[in-house]
Amino acid sequence: MAVGRTHTALGAFYRRLAARIGKAKAVTATARKIVTLFYHTMRHGLDYRDPGADYYEQRYRDRVLKQLHPRAAEFGFTLQAATGVS
């Protein structure tokens, strides 16, 4: 649960899941992600470098927008970026 208070990619992952599915399931999912990262790091001798929460949030935002454009097109809508809003 401590990872939820950090400014890391894992912390951002935990916070996003906790808001959506609850804290208990988010802890389990985050623990699994940590174990998987640890395994791949040890198995393949790779260095793990945390990209940070901002990088994770930007990738998440890009992924959501990529899925949203075709979905809006199915209903006959087009999406436009709002001016002055980041």
C-alpha atoms as a PDB file:
ATOM      1  CA  MET A   1       0.000   0.000   0.000  1.00  0.00           C
ATOM      2  CA  ALA A   2       2.972   2.296   0.485  1.00  0.00           C
ATOM      3  CA  VAL A   3       3.529   2.368  -3.261  1.00  0.00           C
ATOM      4  CA  GLY A   4       0.274   4.323  -3.589  1.00  0.00           C
ATOM      5  CA  ARG A   5       1.917   7.305  -1.898  1.00  0.00           C
ATOM      6  CA  THR A   6       4.944   7.390  -4.185  1.00  0.00           C
ATOM      7  CA  HIS A   7       5.407   9.479  -7.315  1.00  0.00           C
ATOM      8  CA  THR A   8       6.338   6.496  -9.488  1.00  0.00           C
ATOM      9  CA  ALA A   9       4.740   4.625 -12.367  1.00  0.00           C
ATOM     10  CA  LEU A  10       3.730   1.870  -9.923  1.00  0.00           C
ATOM     11  CA  GLY A  11       2.146   4.461  -7.635  1.00  0.00           C
ATOM     12  CA  ALA A  12       0.144   5.913 -10.514  1.00  0.00           C
ATOM     13  CA  PHE A  13      -0.916   2.392 -11.534  1.00  0.00           C
ATOM     14  CA  TYR A  14      -2.086   1.642  -7.989  1.00  0.00           C
ATOM     15  CA  ARG A  15      -4.019   4.920  -7.648  1.00  0.00           C
ATOM     16  CA  ARG A  16      -5.787   4.444 -10.988  1.00  0.00           C
ATOM     17  CA  LEU A  17      -6.808   0.894 -10.113  1.00  0.00           C
ATOM     18  CA  ALA A  18      -7.799   1.751  -6.536  1.00  0.00           C
ATOM     19  CA  ALA A  19     -10.199   4.379  -7.821  1.00  0.00           C
ATOM     20  CA  ARG A  20     -11.716   1.943 -10.292  1.00  0.00           C
ATOM     21  CA  ILE A  21     -11.796  -1.457  -8.565  1.00  0.00           C
ATOM     22  CA  GLY A  22     -11.043  -0.762  -4.916  1.00  0.00           C
ATOM     23  CA  LYS A  23      -7.956  -0.711  -2.741  1.00  0.00           C
ATOM     24  CA  ALA A  24      -7.802  -4.425  -1.912  1.00  0.00           C
ATOM     25  CA  LYS A  25      -7.763  -5.556  -5.539  1.00  0.00           C
ATOM     26  CA  ALA A  26      -5.409  -2.730  -6.485  1.00  0.00           C
ATOM     27  CA  VAL A  27      -2.899  -3.910  -3.862  1.00  0.00           C
ATOM     28  CA  THR A  28      -2.999  -7.426  -5.306  1.00  0.00           C
ATOM     29  CA  ALA A  29      -2.629  -6.216  -8.892  1.00  0.00           C
ATOM     30  CA  THR A  30       0.239  -3.892  -7.974  1.00  0.00           C
ATOM     31  CA  ALA A  31       1.984  -6.652  -6.001  1.00  0.00           C
ATOM     32  CA  ARG A  32       1.720  -8.925  -9.031  1.00  0.00           C
ATOM     33  CA  LYS A  33       3.166  -6.206 -11.241  1.00  0.00           C
ATOM     34  CA  ILE A  34       6.086  -5.737  -8.826  1.00  0.00           C
ATOM     35  CA  VAL A  35       6.758  -9.488  -8.761  1.00  0.00           C
ATOM     36  CA  THR A  36       6.658  -9.646 -12.562  1.00  0.00           C
ATOM     37  CA  LEU A  37       9.089  -6.725 -12.855  1.00  0.00           C
ATOM     38  CA  PHE A  38      11.374  -8.348 -10.286  1.00  0.00           C
ATOM     39  CA  TYR A  39      11.286 -11.697 -12.101  1.00  0.00           C
ATOM     40  CA  HIS A  40      12.112 -10.205 -15.483  1.00  0.00           C
ATOM     41  CA  THR A  41      14.838  -8.073 -13.954  1.00  0.00           C
ATOM     42  CA  MET A  42      16.478 -11.071 -12.270  1.00  0.00           C
ATOM     43  CA  ARG A  43      15.858 -13.564 -15.080  1.00  0.00           C
ATOM     44  CA  HIS A  44      17.212 -11.430 -17.901  1.00  0.00           C
ATOM     45  CA  GLY A  45      19.682  -9.330 -15.909  1.00  0.00           C
ATOM     46  CA  LEU A  46      18.016  -6.060 -16.854  1.00  0.00           C
ATOM     47  CA  ASP A  47      18.143  -2.838 -14.889  1.00  0.00           C
ATOM     48  CA  TYR A  48      14.750  -1.500 -13.880  1.00  0.00           C
ATOM     49  CA  ARG A  49      14.404   2.236 -14.265  1.00  0.00           C
ATOM     50  CA  ASP A  50      11.112   3.700 -13.145  1.00  0.00           C
ATOM     51  CA  PRO A  51       9.798   6.054 -15.832  1.00  0.00           C
ATOM     52  CA  GLY A  52       7.823   8.083 -13.282  1.00  0.00           C
ATOM     53  CA  ALA A  53       4.170   8.815 -12.730  1.00  0.00           C
ATOM     54  CA  ASP A  54       4.022  11.560 -15.364  1.00  0.00           C
ATOM     55  CA  TYR A  55       5.225   9.181 -18.075  1.00  0.00           C
ATOM     56  CA  TYR A  56       2.710   6.544 -16.982  1.00  0.00           C
ATOM     57  CA  GLU A  57      -0.159   9.050 -16.928  1.00  0.00           C
ATOM     58  CA  GLN A  58       0.767  10.374 -20.390  1.00  0.00           C
ATOM     59  CA  ARG A  59       0.853   6.850 -21.863  1.00  0.00           C
ATOM     60  CA  TYR A  60      -2.494   6.086 -20.217  1.00  0.00           C
ATOM     61  CA  ARG A  61      -4.005   9.286 -21.615  1.00  0.00           C
ATOM     62  CA  ASP A  62      -2.694   8.524 -25.119  1.00  0.00           C
ATOM     63  CA  ARG A  63      -4.080   4.976 -24.928  1.00  0.00           C
ATOM     64  CA  VAL A  64      -7.530   6.202 -23.866  1.00  0.00           C
ATOM     65  CA  LEU A  65      -7.638   8.837 -26.615  1.00  0.00           C
ATOM     66  CA  LYS A  66      -6.549   6.299 -29.229  1.00  0.00           C
ATOM     67  CA  GLN A  67      -9.469   4.057 -28.229  1.00  0.00           C
ATOM     68  CA  LEU A  68     -11.914   6.943 -27.979  1.00  0.00           C
ATOM     69  CA  HIS A  69     -11.608   8.260 -31.547  1.00  0.00           C
ATOM     70  CA  PRO A  70     -12.917   5.091 -33.276  1.00  0.00           C
ATOM     71  CA  ARG A  71     -15.600   4.711 -30.613  1.00  0.00           C
ATOM     72  CA  ALA A  72     -16.868   8.248 -31.279  1.00  0.00           C
ATOM     73  CA  ALA A  73     -16.774   7.581 -35.042  1.00  0.00           C
ATOM     74  CA  GLU A  74     -19.055   4.555 -34.546  1.00  0.00           C
ATOM     75  CA  PHE A  75     -21.707   6.937 -33.236  1.00  0.00           C
ATOM     76  CA  GLY A  76     -21.093   9.523 -35.945  1.00  0.00           C
ATOM     77  CA  PHE A  77     -19.118  11.973 -33.812  1.00  0.00           C
ATOM     78  CA  THR A  78     -15.695  13.496 -34.294  1.00  0.00           C
ATOM     79  CA  LEU A  79     -13.453  14.560 -31.443  1.00  0.00           C
ATOM     80  CA  GLN A  80     -11.689  17.900 -31.362  1.00  0.00           C
ATOM     81  CA  ALA A  81      -9.161  19.129 -28.843  1.00  0.00           C
ATOM     82  CA  ALA A  82     -10.467  21.908 -26.632  1.00  0.00           C
ATOM     83  CA  THR A  83      -8.497  25.139 -26.915  1.00  0.00           C
ATOM     84  CA  GLY A  84      -6.757  26.312 -23.786  1.00  0.00           C
ATOM     85  CA  VAL A  85      -7.195  22.986 -21.981  1.00  0.00           C
ATOM     86  CA  SER A  86      -4.279  20.642 -21.454  1.00  0.00           C
END
